[in-house]
């Protein structure tokens, strides 16, 4: 291999590394704040599968986003006190909410309220 080809390949590798997107853990996201500074938002996932929320209970810190994902059927995530309502979601759809205040937040599926219940505890 000639020196010019090796130099071209090395330059290409450096450019690819420099331009590659930053890999962020799947449970975290970067978002902007009002002052333009970046902050890390933790995202916790709750799956809706087999007529259940998995996990059924979740303890998180203030500022964490919970993302409910429908894995089968049609379901919702609906706060027992009216704080949020995703509406009916179909397989593959998702709904997210950031919890900014500490407390215990009970919720249910409006399609299957007698069997699908969950709780988010925010510390």
PDB file of N, CA and C in Angstrom:
ATOM      1  N   UNK A   1       0.849  -1.168   0.000  1.00  0.00           N
ATOM      2  CA  UNK A   1       0.000   0.000   0.000  1.00  0.00           C
ATOM      3  C   UNK A   1       0.900   1.239   0.000  1.00  0.00           C
ATOM      4  N   UNK A   2       0.556   2.175  -0.838  1.00  0.00           N
ATOM      5  CA  UNK A   2       1.397   3.358  -0.932  1.00  0.00           C
ATOM      6  C   UNK A   2       1.152   4.286   0.245  1.00  0.00           C
ATOM      7  N   UNK A   3       2.129   5.145   0.447  1.00  0.00           N
ATOM      8  CA  UNK A   3       2.046   6.088   1.564  1.00  0.00           C
ATOM      9  C   UNK A   3       0.835   7.004   1.433  1.00  0.00           C
ATOM     10  N   UNK A   4       0.495   7.445   0.240  1.00  0.00           N
ATOM     11  CA  UNK A   4      -0.642   8.358   0.045  1.00  0.00           C
ATOM     12  C   UNK A   4      -1.973   7.662   0.365  1.00  0.00           C
ATOM     13  N   UNK A   5      -2.074   6.370   0.063  1.00  0.00           N
ATOM     14  CA  UNK A   5      -3.301   5.645   0.382  1.00  0.00           C
ATOM     15  C   UNK A   5      -3.425   5.480   1.891  1.00  0.00           C
ATOM     16  N   UNK A   6      -2.307   5.143   2.568  1.00  0.00           N
ATOM     17  CA  UNK A   6      -2.335   5.014   4.034  1.00  0.00           C
ATOM     18  C   UNK A   6      -2.711   6.335   4.686  1.00  0.00           C
ATOM     19  N   UNK A   7      -2.187   7.429   4.160  1.00  0.00           N
ATOM     20  CA  UNK A   7      -2.513   8.748   4.700  1.00  0.00           C
ATOM     21  C   UNK A   7      -3.993   9.060   4.490  1.00  0.00           C
ATOM     22  N   UNK A   8      -4.514   8.728   3.330  1.00  0.00           N
ATOM     23  CA  UNK A   8      -5.931   8.973   3.038  1.00  0.00           C
ATOM     24  C   UNK A   8      -6.822   8.143   3.967  1.00  0.00           C
ATOM     25  N   UNK A   9      -6.473   6.888   4.192  1.00  0.00           N
ATOM     26  CA  UNK A   9      -7.250   6.023   5.084  1.00  0.00           C
ATOM     27  C   UNK A   9      -7.199   6.550   6.519  1.00  0.00           C
ATOM     28  N   UNK A  10      -6.024   6.947   6.971  1.00  0.00           N
ATOM     29  CA  UNK A  10      -5.875   7.487   8.330  1.00  0.00           C
ATOM     30  C   UNK A  10      -6.707   8.756   8.489  1.00  0.00           C
ATOM     31  N   UNK A  11      -6.694   9.609   7.496  1.00  0.00           N
ATOM     32  CA  UNK A  11      -7.481  10.845   7.544  1.00  0.00           C
ATOM     33  C   UNK A  11      -8.972  10.523   7.591  1.00  0.00           C
ATOM     34  N   UNK A  12      -9.402   9.565   6.802  1.00  0.00           N
ATOM     35  CA  UNK A  12     -10.800   9.159   6.791  1.00  0.00           C
ATOM     36  C   UNK A  12     -11.222   8.612   8.152  1.00  0.00           C
ATOM     37  N   UNK A  13     -10.392   7.811   8.773  1.00  0.00           N
ATOM     38  CA  UNK A  13     -10.710   7.254  10.091  1.00  0.00           C
ATOM     39  C   UNK A  13     -10.832   8.367  11.121  1.00  0.00           C
ATOM     40  N   UNK A  14      -9.920   9.312  11.100  1.00  0.00           N
ATOM     41  CA  UNK A  14      -9.980  10.437  12.040  1.00  0.00           C
ATOM     42  C   UNK A  14     -11.266  11.226  11.838  1.00  0.00           C
ATOM     43  N   UNK A  15     -11.655  11.479  10.610  1.00  0.00           N
ATOM     44  CA  UNK A  15     -12.886  12.214  10.328  1.00  0.00           C
ATOM     45  C   UNK A  15     -14.115  11.438  10.795  1.00  0.00           C
ATOM     46  N   UNK A  16     -14.151  10.141  10.552  1.00  0.00           N
ATOM     47  CA  UNK A  16     -15.287   9.335  10.983  1.00  0.00           C
ATOM     48  C   UNK A  16     -15.431   9.332  12.494  1.00  0.00           C
ATOM     49  N   UNK A  17     -14.332   9.220  13.190  1.00  0.00           N
ATOM     50  CA  UNK A  17     -14.374   9.241  14.654  1.00  0.00           C
ATOM     51  C   UNK A  17     -14.830  10.606  15.147  1.00  0.00           C
ATOM     52  N   UNK A  18     -14.342  11.661  14.540  1.00  0.00           N
ATOM     53  CA  UNK A  18     -14.701  13.018  14.970  1.00  0.00           C
ATOM     54  C   UNK A  18     -16.168  13.333  14.694  1.00  0.00           C
ATOM     55  N   UNK A  19     -16.704  12.805  13.616  1.00  0.00           N
ATOM     56  CA  UNK A  19     -18.077  13.120  13.237  1.00  0.00           C
ATOM     57  C   UNK A  19     -19.104  12.133  13.772  1.00  0.00           C
ATOM     58  N   UNK A  20     -18.657  11.036  14.365  1.00  0.00           N
ATOM     59  CA  UNK A  20     -19.582  10.027  14.884  1.00  0.00           C
ATOM     60  C   UNK A  20     -20.387  10.614  16.029  1.00  0.00           C
ATOM     61  N   UNK A  21     -21.679  10.250  16.123  1.00  0.00           N
ATOM     62  CA  UNK A  21     -22.496  10.745  17.235  1.00  0.00           C
ATOM     63  C   UNK A  21     -21.992  10.182  18.556  1.00  0.00           C
ATOM     64  N   UNK A  22     -22.156  10.970  19.598  1.00  0.00           N
ATOM     65  CA  UNK A  22     -21.777  10.523  20.929  1.00  0.00           C
ATOM     66  C   UNK A  22     -22.747   9.458  21.388  1.00  0.00           C
ATOM     67  N   UNK A  23     -22.235   8.379  21.925  1.00  0.00           N
ATOM     68  CA  UNK A  23     -23.083   7.300  22.419  1.00  0.00           C
ATOM     69  C   UNK A  23     -23.464   7.629  23.853  1.00  0.00           C
ATOM     70  N   UNK A  24     -24.772   7.619  24.138  1.00  0.00           N
ATOM     71  CA  UNK A  24     -25.287   7.894  25.477  1.00  0.00           C
ATOM     72  C   UNK A  24     -26.013   6.654  25.949  1.00  0.00           C
ATOM     73  N   UNK A  25     -25.832   6.305  27.200  1.00  0.00           N
ATOM     74  CA  UNK A  25     -26.525   5.165  27.788  1.00  0.00           C
ATOM     75  C   UNK A  25     -28.006   5.261  27.456  1.00  0.00           C
ATOM     76  N   UNK A  26     -28.627   4.130  27.140  1.00  0.00           N
ATOM     77  CA  UNK A  26     -30.041   4.113  26.746  1.00  0.00           C
ATOM     78  C   UNK A  26     -30.955   4.657  27.826  1.00  0.00           C
ATOM     79  N   UNK A  27     -30.498   4.673  29.070  1.00  0.00           N
ATOM     80  CA  UNK A  27     -31.346   5.164  30.154  1.00  0.00           C
ATOM     81  C   UNK A  27     -31.162   6.656  30.400  1.00  0.00           C
ATOM     82  N   UNK A  28     -30.350   7.321  29.587  1.00  0.00           N
ATOM     83  CA  UNK A  28     -30.097   8.740  29.805  1.00  0.00           C
ATOM     84  C   UNK A  28     -30.200   9.507  28.503  1.00  0.00           C
ATOM     85  N   UNK A  29     -30.536  10.774  28.613  1.00  0.00           N
ATOM     86  CA  UNK A  29     -30.616  11.660  27.471  1.00  0.00           C
ATOM     87  C   UNK A  29     -30.012  13.001  27.830  1.00  0.00           C
ATOM     88  N   UNK A  30     -29.518  13.710  26.828  1.00  0.00           N
ATOM     89  CA  UNK A  30     -29.012  15.060  27.034  1.00  0.00           C
ATOM     90  C   UNK A  30     -30.067  16.031  26.526  1.00  0.00           C
ATOM     91  N   UNK A  31     -30.373  17.035  27.317  1.00  0.00           N
ATOM     92  CA  UNK A  31     -31.320  18.043  26.851  1.00  0.00           C
ATOM     93  C   UNK A  31     -30.831  19.408  27.301  1.00  0.00           C
ATOM     94  N   UNK A  32     -31.310  20.442  26.646  1.00  0.00           N
ATOM     95  CA  UNK A  32     -30.902  21.793  26.986  1.00  0.00           C
ATOM     96  C   UNK A  32     -31.721  22.363  28.131  1.00  0.00           C
ATOM     97  N   UNK A  33     -31.154  23.348  28.794  1.00  0.00           N
ATOM     98  CA  UNK A  33     -31.870  24.065  29.835  1.00  0.00           C
ATOM     99  C   UNK A  33     -32.122  25.474  29.338  1.00  0.00           C
ATOM    100  N   UNK A  34     -32.839  26.244  30.107  1.00  0.00           N
ATOM    101  CA  UNK A  34     -33.148  27.618  29.684  1.00  0.00           C
ATOM    102  C   UNK A  34     -31.896  28.461  29.477  1.00  0.00           C
ATOM    103  N   UNK A  35     -30.857  28.210  30.274  1.00  0.00           N
ATOM    104  CA  UNK A  35     -29.634  28.997  30.126  1.00  0.00           C
ATOM    105  C   UNK A  35     -28.697  28.419  29.067  1.00  0.00           C
ATOM    106  N   UNK A  36     -29.146  27.357  28.368  1.00  0.00           N
ATOM    107  CA  UNK A  36     -28.351  26.786  27.289  1.00  0.00           C
ATOM    108  C   UNK A  36     -27.404  25.688  27.734  1.00  0.00           C
ATOM    109  N   UNK A  37     -27.262  25.475  29.032  1.00  0.00           N
ATOM    110  CA  UNK A  37     -26.373  24.429  29.522  1.00  0.00           C
ATOM    111  C   UNK A  37     -27.018  23.063  29.315  1.00  0.00           C
ATOM    112  N   UNK A  38     -26.213  22.075  29.051  1.00  0.00           N
ATOM    113  CA  UNK A  38     -26.735  20.719  28.877  1.00  0.00           C
ATOM    114  C   UNK A  38     -26.927  20.070  30.235  1.00  0.00           C
ATOM    115  N   UNK A  39     -27.964  19.250  30.352  1.00  0.00           N
ATOM    116  CA  UNK A  39     -28.174  18.487  31.573  1.00  0.00           C
ATOM    117  C   UNK A  39     -28.597  17.084  31.175  1.00  0.00           C
ATOM    118  N   UNK A  40     -28.299  16.132  32.020  1.00  0.00           N
ATOM    119  CA  UNK A  40     -28.610  14.743  31.743  1.00  0.00           C
ATOM    120  C   UNK A  40     -29.965  14.390  32.348  1.00  0.00           C
ATOM    121  N   UNK A  41     -30.857  13.845  31.527  1.00  0.00           N
ATOM    122  CA  UNK A  41     -32.164  13.416  31.992  1.00  0.00           C
ATOM    123  C   UNK A  41     -32.164  11.889  31.997  1.00  0.00           C
ATOM    124  N   UNK A  42     -32.435  11.320  33.144  1.00  0.00           N
ATOM    125  CA  UNK A  42     -32.506   9.870  33.245  1.00  0.00           C
ATOM    126  C   UNK A  42     -33.881   9.424  32.772  1.00  0.00           C
ATOM    127  N   UNK A  43     -33.908   8.375  31.968  1.00  0.00           N
ATOM    128  CA  UNK A  43     -35.158   7.840  31.448  1.00  0.00           C
ATOM    129  C   UNK A  43     -35.300   6.401  31.935  1.00  0.00           C
ATOM    130  N   UNK A  44     -36.404   6.126  32.608  1.00  0.00           N
ATOM    131  CA  UNK A  44     -36.719   4.772  33.066  1.00  0.00           C
ATOM    132  C   UNK A  44     -37.875   4.243  32.229  1.00  0.00           C
ATOM    133  N   UNK A  45     -37.790   2.993  31.825  1.00  0.00           N
ATOM    134  CA  UNK A  45     -38.810   2.406  30.956  1.00  0.00           C
ATOM    135  C   UNK A  45     -39.725   1.476  31.745  1.00  0.00           C
ATOM    136  N   UNK A  46     -41.009   1.573  31.462  1.00  0.00           N
ATOM    137  CA  UNK A  46     -42.012   0.646  31.986  1.00  0.00           C
ATOM    138  C   UNK A  46     -42.679   0.013  30.774  1.00  0.00           C
ATOM    139  N   UNK A  47     -42.637  -1.310  30.708  1.00  0.00           N
ATOM    140  CA  UNK A  47     -43.260  -2.029  29.601  1.00  0.00           C
ATOM    141  C   UNK A  47     -44.700  -2.388  29.958  1.00  0.00           C
ATOM    142  N   UNK A  48     -45.568  -2.363  28.971  1.00  0.00           N
ATOM    143  CA  UNK A  48     -46.955  -2.801  29.136  1.00  0.00           C
ATOM    144  C   UNK A  48     -47.080  -4.099  28.351  1.00  0.00           C
ATOM    145  N   UNK A  49     -47.154  -5.214  29.095  1.00  0.00           N
ATOM    146  CA  UNK A  49     -47.152  -6.532  28.476  1.00  0.00           C
ATOM    147  C   UNK A  49     -47.914  -7.514  29.364  1.00  0.00           C
ATOM    148  N   UNK A  50     -48.621  -8.465  28.746  1.00  0.00           N
ATOM    149  CA  UNK A  50     -49.373  -9.487  29.486  1.00  0.00           C
ATOM    150  C   UNK A  50     -50.309  -8.871  30.529  1.00  0.00           C
ATOM    151  N   UNK A  51     -51.018  -7.824  30.167  1.00  0.00           N
ATOM    152  CA  UNK A  51     -51.958  -7.141  31.052  1.00  0.00           C
ATOM    153  C   UNK A  51     -51.304  -6.712  32.367  1.00  0.00           C
ATOM    154  N   UNK A  52     -50.051  -6.216  32.266  1.00  0.00           N
ATOM    155  CA  UNK A  52     -49.328  -5.757  33.460  1.00  0.00           C
ATOM    156  C   UNK A  52     -48.337  -4.667  33.087  1.00  0.00           C
ATOM    157  N   UNK A  53     -48.037  -3.818  34.070  1.00  0.00           N
ATOM    158  CA  UNK A  53     -46.939  -2.865  33.947  1.00  0.00           C
ATOM    159  C   UNK A  53     -45.699  -3.578  34.482  1.00  0.00           C
ATOM    160  N   UNK A  54     -44.603  -3.540  33.744  1.00  0.00           N
ATOM    161  CA  UNK A  54     -43.364  -4.173  34.173  1.00  0.00           C
ATOM    162  C   UNK A  54     -42.264  -3.147  34.168  1.00  0.00           C
ATOM    163  N   UNK A  55     -41.716  -2.718  35.283  1.00  0.00           N
ATOM    164  CA  UNK A  55     -42.075  -3.155  36.630  1.00  0.00           C
ATOM    165  C   UNK A  55     -43.378  -2.501  37.092  1.00  0.00           C
ATOM    166  N   UNK A  56     -44.007  -3.149  38.059  1.00  0.00           N
ATOM    167  CA  UNK A  56     -45.280  -2.649  38.601  1.00  0.00           C
ATOM    168  C   UNK A  56     -45.050  -1.426  39.474  1.00  0.00           C
ATOM    169  N   UNK A  57     -43.936  -1.426  40.211  1.00  0.00           N
ATOM    170  CA  UNK A  57     -43.588  -0.254  41.022  1.00  0.00           C
ATOM    171  C   UNK A  57     -42.166   0.166  40.674  1.00  0.00           C
ATOM    172  N   UNK A  58     -41.956   1.464  40.716  1.00  0.00           N
ATOM    173  CA  UNK A  58     -40.681   2.035  40.312  1.00  0.00           C
ATOM    174  C   UNK A  58     -40.349   3.187  41.245  1.00  0.00           C
ATOM    175  N   UNK A  59     -39.125   3.225  41.751  1.00  0.00           N
ATOM    176  CA  UNK A  59     -38.661   4.339  42.574  1.00  0.00           C
ATOM    177  C   UNK A  59     -37.613   5.098  41.774  1.00  0.00           C
ATOM    178  N   UNK A  60     -37.833   6.413  41.645  1.00  0.00           N
ATOM    179  CA  UNK A  60     -36.959   7.258  40.831  1.00  0.00           C
ATOM    180  C   UNK A  60     -36.627   8.538  41.580  1.00  0.00           C
ATOM    181  N   UNK A  61     -35.664   9.274  41.067  1.00  0.00           N
ATOM    182  CA  UNK A  61     -35.310  10.590  41.602  1.00  0.00           C
ATOM    183  C   UNK A  61     -36.083  11.676  40.868  1.00  0.00           C
ATOM    184  N   UNK A  62     -36.255  12.827  41.525  1.00  0.00           N
ATOM    185  CA  UNK A  62     -36.898  13.972  40.871  1.00  0.00           C
ATOM    186  C   UNK A  62     -36.149  14.290  39.577  1.00  0.00           C
ATOM    187  N   UNK A  63     -36.904  14.646  38.552  1.00  0.00           N
ATOM    188  CA  UNK A  63     -36.317  14.989  37.265  1.00  0.00           C
ATOM    189  C   UNK A  63     -36.175  13.810  36.319  1.00  0.00           C
ATOM    190  N   UNK A  64     -36.537  12.622  36.769  1.00  0.00           N
ATOM    191  CA  UNK A  64     -36.453  11.435  35.930  1.00  0.00           C
ATOM    192  C   UNK A  64     -37.669  11.348  35.020  1.00  0.00           C
ATOM    193  N   UNK A  65     -37.438  10.915  33.797  1.00  0.00           N
ATOM    194  CA  UNK A  65     -38.536  10.702  32.851  1.00  0.00           C
ATOM    195  C   UNK A  65     -38.892   9.224  32.849  1.00  0.00           C
ATOM    196  N   UNK A  66     -40.182   8.939  32.970  1.00  0.00           N
ATOM    197  CA  UNK A  66     -40.670   7.571  32.846  1.00  0.00           C
ATOM    198  C   UNK A  66     -41.286   7.452  31.454  1.00  0.00           C
ATOM    199  N   UNK A  67     -40.897   6.407  30.762  1.00  0.00           N
ATOM    200  CA  UNK A  67     -41.400   6.162  29.409  1.00  0.00           C
ATOM    201  C   UNK A  67     -42.104   4.806  29.405  1.00  0.00           C
ATOM    202  N   UNK A  68     -43.424   4.831  29.201  1.00  0.00           N
ATOM    203  CA  UNK A  68     -44.217   3.619  29.126  1.00  0.00           C
ATOM    204  C   UNK A  68     -44.262   3.176  27.662  1.00  0.00           C
ATOM    205  N   UNK A  69     -44.002   1.906  27.413  1.00  0.00           N
ATOM    206  CA  UNK A  69     -43.961   1.362  26.058  1.00  0.00           C
ATOM    207  C   UNK A  69     -44.906   0.167  25.971  1.00  0.00           C
ATOM    208  N   UNK A  70     -45.795   0.186  24.980  1.00  0.00           N
ATOM    209  CA  UNK A  70     -46.726  -0.925  24.776  1.00  0.00           C
ATOM    210  C   UNK A  70     -46.016  -2.016  23.975  1.00  0.00           C
ATOM    211  N   UNK A  71     -45.917  -3.199  24.559  1.00  0.00           N
ATOM    212  CA  UNK A  71     -45.281  -4.327  23.888  1.00  0.00           C
ATOM    213  C   UNK A  71     -46.292  -5.252  23.215  1.00  0.00           C
ATOM    214  N   UNK A  72     -47.536  -5.218  23.672  1.00  0.00           N
ATOM    215  CA  UNK A  72     -48.591  -6.000  23.025  1.00  0.00           C
ATOM    216  C   UNK A  72     -49.945  -5.421  23.394  1.00  0.00           C
ATOM    217  N   UNK A  73     -50.901  -5.535  22.483  1.00  0.00           N
ATOM    218  CA  UNK A  73     -52.256  -5.077  22.754  1.00  0.00           C
ATOM    219  C   UNK A  73     -52.411  -3.568  22.725  1.00  0.00           C
ATOM    220  N   UNK A  74     -53.460  -3.093  23.390  1.00  0.00           N
ATOM    221  CA  UNK A  74     -53.716  -1.662  23.546  1.00  0.00           C
ATOM    222  C   UNK A  74     -53.881  -1.376  25.033  1.00  0.00           C
ATOM    223  N   UNK A  75     -53.227  -0.336  25.486  1.00  0.00           N
ATOM    224  CA  UNK A  75     -53.222   0.013  26.903  1.00  0.00           C
ATOM    225  C   UNK A  75     -53.109   1.524  27.042  1.00  0.00           C
ATOM    226  N   UNK A  76     -53.141   1.988  28.292  1.00  0.00           N
ATOM    227  CA  UNK A  76     -52.881   3.397  28.590  1.00  0.00           C
ATOM    228  C   UNK A  76     -52.118   3.473  29.897  1.00  0.00           C
ATOM    229  N   UNK A  77     -51.581   4.632  30.176  1.00  0.00           N
ATOM    230  CA  UNK A  77     -51.074   4.952  31.497  1.00  0.00           C
ATOM    231  C   UNK A  77     -51.826   6.198  31.941  1.00  0.00           C
ATOM    232  N   UNK A  78     -52.598   6.026  33.005  1.00  0.00           N
ATOM    233  CA  UNK A  78     -53.497   7.077  33.457  1.00  0.00           C
ATOM    234  C   UNK A  78     -53.335   7.271  34.958  1.00  0.00           C
ATOM    235  N   UNK A  79     -52.980   8.474  35.351  1.00  0.00           N
ATOM    236  CA  UNK A  79     -52.826   8.790  36.772  1.00  0.00           C
ATOM    237  C   UNK A  79     -54.157   8.630  37.492  1.00  0.00           C
ATOM    238  N   UNK A  80     -54.114   8.071  38.697  1.00  0.00           N
ATOM    239  CA  UNK A  80     -55.338   7.934  39.493  1.00  0.00           C
ATOM    240  C   UNK A  80     -55.894   9.282  39.922  1.00  0.00           C
ATOM    241  N   UNK A  81     -55.046  10.323  39.927  1.00  0.00           N
ATOM    242  CA  UNK A  81     -55.476  11.654  40.362  1.00  0.00           C
ATOM    243  C   UNK A  81     -55.593  12.655  39.215  1.00  0.00           C
ATOM    244  N   UNK A  82     -55.474  12.183  37.983  1.00  0.00           N
ATOM    245  CA  UNK A  82     -55.641  13.070  36.833  1.00  0.00           C
ATOM    246  C   UNK A  82     -54.411  13.866  36.431  1.00  0.00           C
ATOM    247  N   UNK A  83     -53.236  13.537  36.950  1.00  0.00           N
ATOM    248  CA  UNK A  83     -52.020  14.279  36.580  1.00  0.00           C
ATOM    249  C   UNK A  83     -51.588  14.035  35.140  1.00  0.00           C
ATOM    250  N   UNK A  84     -51.830  12.835  34.621  1.00  0.00           N
ATOM    251  CA  UNK A  84     -51.498  12.527  33.243  1.00  0.00           C
ATOM    252  C   UNK A  84     -52.434  11.451  32.714  1.00  0.00           C
ATOM    253  N   UNK A  85     -52.550  11.438  31.395  1.00  0.00           N
ATOM    254  CA  UNK A  85     -53.320  10.397  30.713  1.00  0.00           C
ATOM    255  C   UNK A  85     -52.745  10.271  29.308  1.00  0.00           C
ATOM    256  N   UNK A  86     -52.228   9.127  29.009  1.00  0.00           N
ATOM    257  CA  UNK A  86     -51.611   8.914  27.701  1.00  0.00           C
ATOM    258  C   UNK A  86     -52.635   8.746  26.591  1.00  0.00           C
ATOM    259  N   UNK A  87     -53.883   8.480  26.958  1.00  0.00           N
ATOM    260  CA  UNK A  87     -54.841   8.050  25.956  1.00  0.00           C
ATOM    261  C   UNK A  87     -54.520   6.600  25.609  1.00  0.00           C
ATOM    262  N   UNK A  88     -55.316   5.996  24.770  1.00  0.00           N
ATOM    263  CA  UNK A  88     -55.098   4.594  24.416  1.00  0.00           C
ATOM    264  C   UNK A  88     -53.930   4.504  23.434  1.00  0.00           C
ATOM    265  N   UNK A  89     -52.974   3.643  23.781  1.00  0.00           N
ATOM    266  CA  UNK A  89     -51.781   3.428  22.964  1.00  0.00           C
ATOM    267  C   UNK A  89     -51.812   2.013  22.396  1.00  0.00           C
ATOM    268  N   UNK A  90     -51.347   1.859  21.174  1.00  0.00           N
ATOM    269  CA  UNK A  90     -51.283   0.545  20.526  1.00  0.00           C
ATOM    270  C   UNK A  90     -49.865  -0.003  20.591  1.00  0.00           C
ATOM    271  N   UNK A  91     -49.728  -1.265  20.225  1.00  0.00           N
ATOM    272  CA  UNK A  91     -48.428  -1.931  20.239  1.00  0.00           C
ATOM    273  C   UNK A  91     -47.375  -1.097  19.525  1.00  0.00           C
ATOM    274  N   UNK A  92     -46.223  -0.907  20.195  1.00  0.00           N
ATOM    275  CA  UNK A  92     -45.120  -0.134  19.632  1.00  0.00           C
ATOM    276  C   UNK A  92     -45.159   1.344  19.984  1.00  0.00           C
ATOM    277  N   UNK A  93     -46.280   1.844  20.473  1.00  0.00           N
ATOM    278  CA  UNK A  93     -46.374   3.252  20.839  1.00  0.00           C
ATOM    279  C   UNK A  93     -45.884   3.459  22.264  1.00  0.00           C
ATOM    280  N   UNK A  94     -45.534   4.702  22.578  1.00  0.00           N
ATOM    281  CA  UNK A  94     -44.994   5.022  23.900  1.00  0.00           C
ATOM    282  C   UNK A  94     -45.502   6.374  24.368  1.00  0.00           C
ATOM    283  N   UNK A  95     -45.391   6.583  25.670  1.00  0.00           N
ATOM    284  CA  UNK A  95     -45.779   7.842  26.303  1.00  0.00           C
ATOM    285  C   UNK A  95     -44.757   8.126  27.395  1.00  0.00           C
ATOM    286  N   UNK A  96     -44.348   9.384  27.528  1.00  0.00           N
ATOM    287  CA  UNK A  96     -43.365   9.736  28.550  1.00  0.00           C
ATOM    288  C   UNK A  96     -43.801  10.926  29.379  1.00  0.00           C
ATOM    289  N   UNK A  97     -43.295  10.945  30.619  1.00  0.00           N
ATOM    290  CA  UNK A  97     -43.588  12.048  31.538  1.00  0.00           C
ATOM    291  C   UNK A  97     -42.405  12.242  32.471  1.00  0.00           C
ATOM    292  N   UNK A  98     -41.993  13.491  32.675  1.00  0.00           N
ATOM    293  CA  UNK A  98     -40.927  13.810  33.624  1.00  0.00           C
ATOM    294  C   UNK A  98     -41.566  14.093  34.979  1.00  0.00           C
ATOM    295  N   UNK A  99     -41.042  13.451  36.009  1.00  0.00           N
ATOM    296  CA  UNK A  99     -41.541  13.645  37.373  1.00  0.00           C
ATOM    297  C   UNK A  99     -40.637  14.649  38.079  1.00  0.00           C
ATOM    298  N   UNK A 100     -41.161  15.841  38.341  1.00  0.00           N
ATOM    299  CA  UNK A 100     -40.370  16.926  38.913  1.00  0.00           C
ATOM    300  C   UNK A 100     -40.575  17.108  40.413  1.00  0.00           C
ATOM    301  N   UNK A 101     -41.604  16.471  40.985  1.00  0.00           N
ATOM    302  CA  UNK A 101     -41.902  16.619  42.414  1.00  0.00           C
ATOM    303  C   UNK A 101     -41.856  15.264  43.090  1.00  0.00           C
ATOM    304  N   UNK A 102     -41.402  15.277  44.348  1.00  0.00           N
ATOM    305  CA  UNK A 102     -41.376  14.049  45.140  1.00  0.00           C
ATOM    306  C   UNK A 102     -42.797  13.635  45.502  1.00  0.00           C
ATOM    307  N   UNK A 103     -43.010  12.341  45.646  1.00  0.00           N
ATOM    308  CA  UNK A 103     -44.314  11.836  46.040  1.00  0.00           C
ATOM    309  C   UNK A 103     -44.544  10.427  45.528  1.00  0.00           C
ATOM    310  N   UNK A 104     -45.716   9.922  45.816  1.00  0.00           N
ATOM    311  CA  UNK A 104     -46.129   8.609  45.349  1.00  0.00           C
ATOM    312  C   UNK A 104     -47.265   8.808  44.360  1.00  0.00           C
ATOM    313  N   UNK A 105     -47.108   8.260  43.182  1.00  0.00           N
ATOM    314  CA  UNK A 105     -48.049   8.482  42.094  1.00  0.00           C
ATOM    315  C   UNK A 105     -48.593   7.134  41.617  1.00  0.00           C
ATOM    316  N   UNK A 106     -49.843   6.869  41.958  1.00  0.00           N
ATOM    317  CA  UNK A 106     -50.489   5.628  41.527  1.00  0.00           C
ATOM    318  C   UNK A 106     -51.132   5.855  40.166  1.00  0.00           C
ATOM    319  N   UNK A 107     -51.115   4.806  39.352  1.00  0.00           N
ATOM    320  CA  UNK A 107     -51.701   4.907  38.020  1.00  0.00           C
ATOM    321  C   UNK A 107     -52.289   3.560  37.604  1.00  0.00           C
ATOM    322  N   UNK A 108     -53.008   3.569  36.485  1.00  0.00           N
ATOM    323  CA  UNK A 108     -53.660   2.371  35.987  1.00  0.00           C
ATOM    324  C   UNK A 108     -53.774   2.447  34.468  1.00  0.00           C
ATOM    325  N   UNK A 109     -54.203   1.356  33.882  1.00  0.00           N
ATOM    326  CA  UNK A 109     -54.534   1.320  32.458  1.00  0.00           C
ATOM    327  C   UNK A 109     -56.036   1.540  32.355  1.00  0.00           C
ATOM    328  N   UNK A 110     -56.457   2.548  31.631  1.00  0.00           N
ATOM    329  CA  UNK A 110     -57.894   2.830  31.524  1.00  0.00           C
ATOM    330  C   UNK A 110     -58.635   1.753  30.728  1.00  0.00           C
ATOM    331  N   UNK A 111     -57.919   0.976  29.931  1.00  0.00           N
ATOM    332  CA  UNK A 111     -58.530  -0.112  29.169  1.00  0.00           C
ATOM    333  C   UNK A 111     -58.725  -1.349  30.054  1.00  0.00           C
ATOM    334  N   UNK A 112     -57.805  -1.569  30.993  1.00  0.00           N
ATOM    335  CA  UNK A 112     -57.829  -2.740  31.879  1.00  0.00           C
ATOM    336  C   UNK A 112     -57.626  -2.296  33.338  1.00  0.00           C
ATOM    337  N   UNK A 113     -58.503  -1.444  33.882  1.00  0.00           N
ATOM    338  CA  UNK A 113     -58.263  -0.847  35.204  1.00  0.00           C
ATOM    339  C   UNK A 113     -58.279  -1.835  36.368  1.00  0.00           C
ATOM    340  N   UNK A 114     -58.951  -2.957  36.228  1.00  0.00           N
ATOM    341  CA  UNK A 114     -59.016  -3.889  37.362  1.00  0.00           C
ATOM    342  C   UNK A 114     -57.764  -4.749  37.493  1.00  0.00           C
ATOM    343  N   UNK A 115     -56.986  -4.886  36.409  1.00  0.00           N
ATOM    344  CA  UNK A 115     -55.800  -5.751  36.477  1.00  0.00           C
ATOM    345  C   UNK A 115     -54.482  -5.015  36.281  1.00  0.00           C
ATOM    346  N   UNK A 116     -54.497  -3.874  35.635  1.00  0.00           N
ATOM    347  CA  UNK A 116     -53.249  -3.152  35.360  1.00  0.00           C
ATOM    348  C   UNK A 116     -53.154  -1.916  36.232  1.00  0.00           C
ATOM    349  N   UNK A 117     -52.338  -2.027  37.273  1.00  0.00           N
ATOM    350  CA  UNK A 117     -52.099  -0.909  38.191  1.00  0.00           C
ATOM    351  C   UNK A 117     -50.615  -0.807  38.461  1.00  0.00           C
ATOM    352  N   UNK A 118     -50.175   0.414  38.694  1.00  0.00           N
ATOM    353  CA  UNK A 118     -48.760   0.633  38.994  1.00  0.00           C
ATOM    354  C   UNK A 118     -48.577   1.809  39.918  1.00  0.00           C
ATOM    355  N   UNK A 119     -47.322   1.990  40.375  1.00  0.00           N
ATOM    356  CA  UNK A 119     -47.007   3.112  41.254  1.00  0.00           C
ATOM    357  C   UNK A 119     -45.581   3.590  40.966  1.00  0.00           C
ATOM    358  N   UNK A 120     -45.449   4.905  40.921  1.00  0.00           N
ATOM    359  CA  UNK A 120     -44.145   5.561  40.774  1.00  0.00           C
ATOM    360  C   UNK A 120     -43.881   6.301  42.067  1.00  0.00           C
ATOM    361  N   UNK A 121     -42.739   6.021  42.705  1.00  0.00           N
ATOM    362  CA  UNK A 121     -42.333   6.737  43.920  1.00  0.00           C
ATOM    363  C   UNK A 121     -41.163   7.638  43.537  1.00  0.00           C
ATOM    364  N   UNK A 122     -41.327   8.929  43.772  1.00  0.00           N
ATOM    365  CA  UNK A 122     -40.300   9.908  43.417  1.00  0.00           C
ATOM    366  C   UNK A 122     -39.672  10.436  44.688  1.00  0.00           C
ATOM    367  N   UNK A 123     -38.338  10.320  44.777  1.00  0.00           N
ATOM    368  CA  UNK A 123     -37.623  10.797  45.972  1.00  0.00           C
ATOM    369  C   UNK A 123     -36.847  12.058  45.683  1.00  0.00           C
TER     370      UNK A 123
END
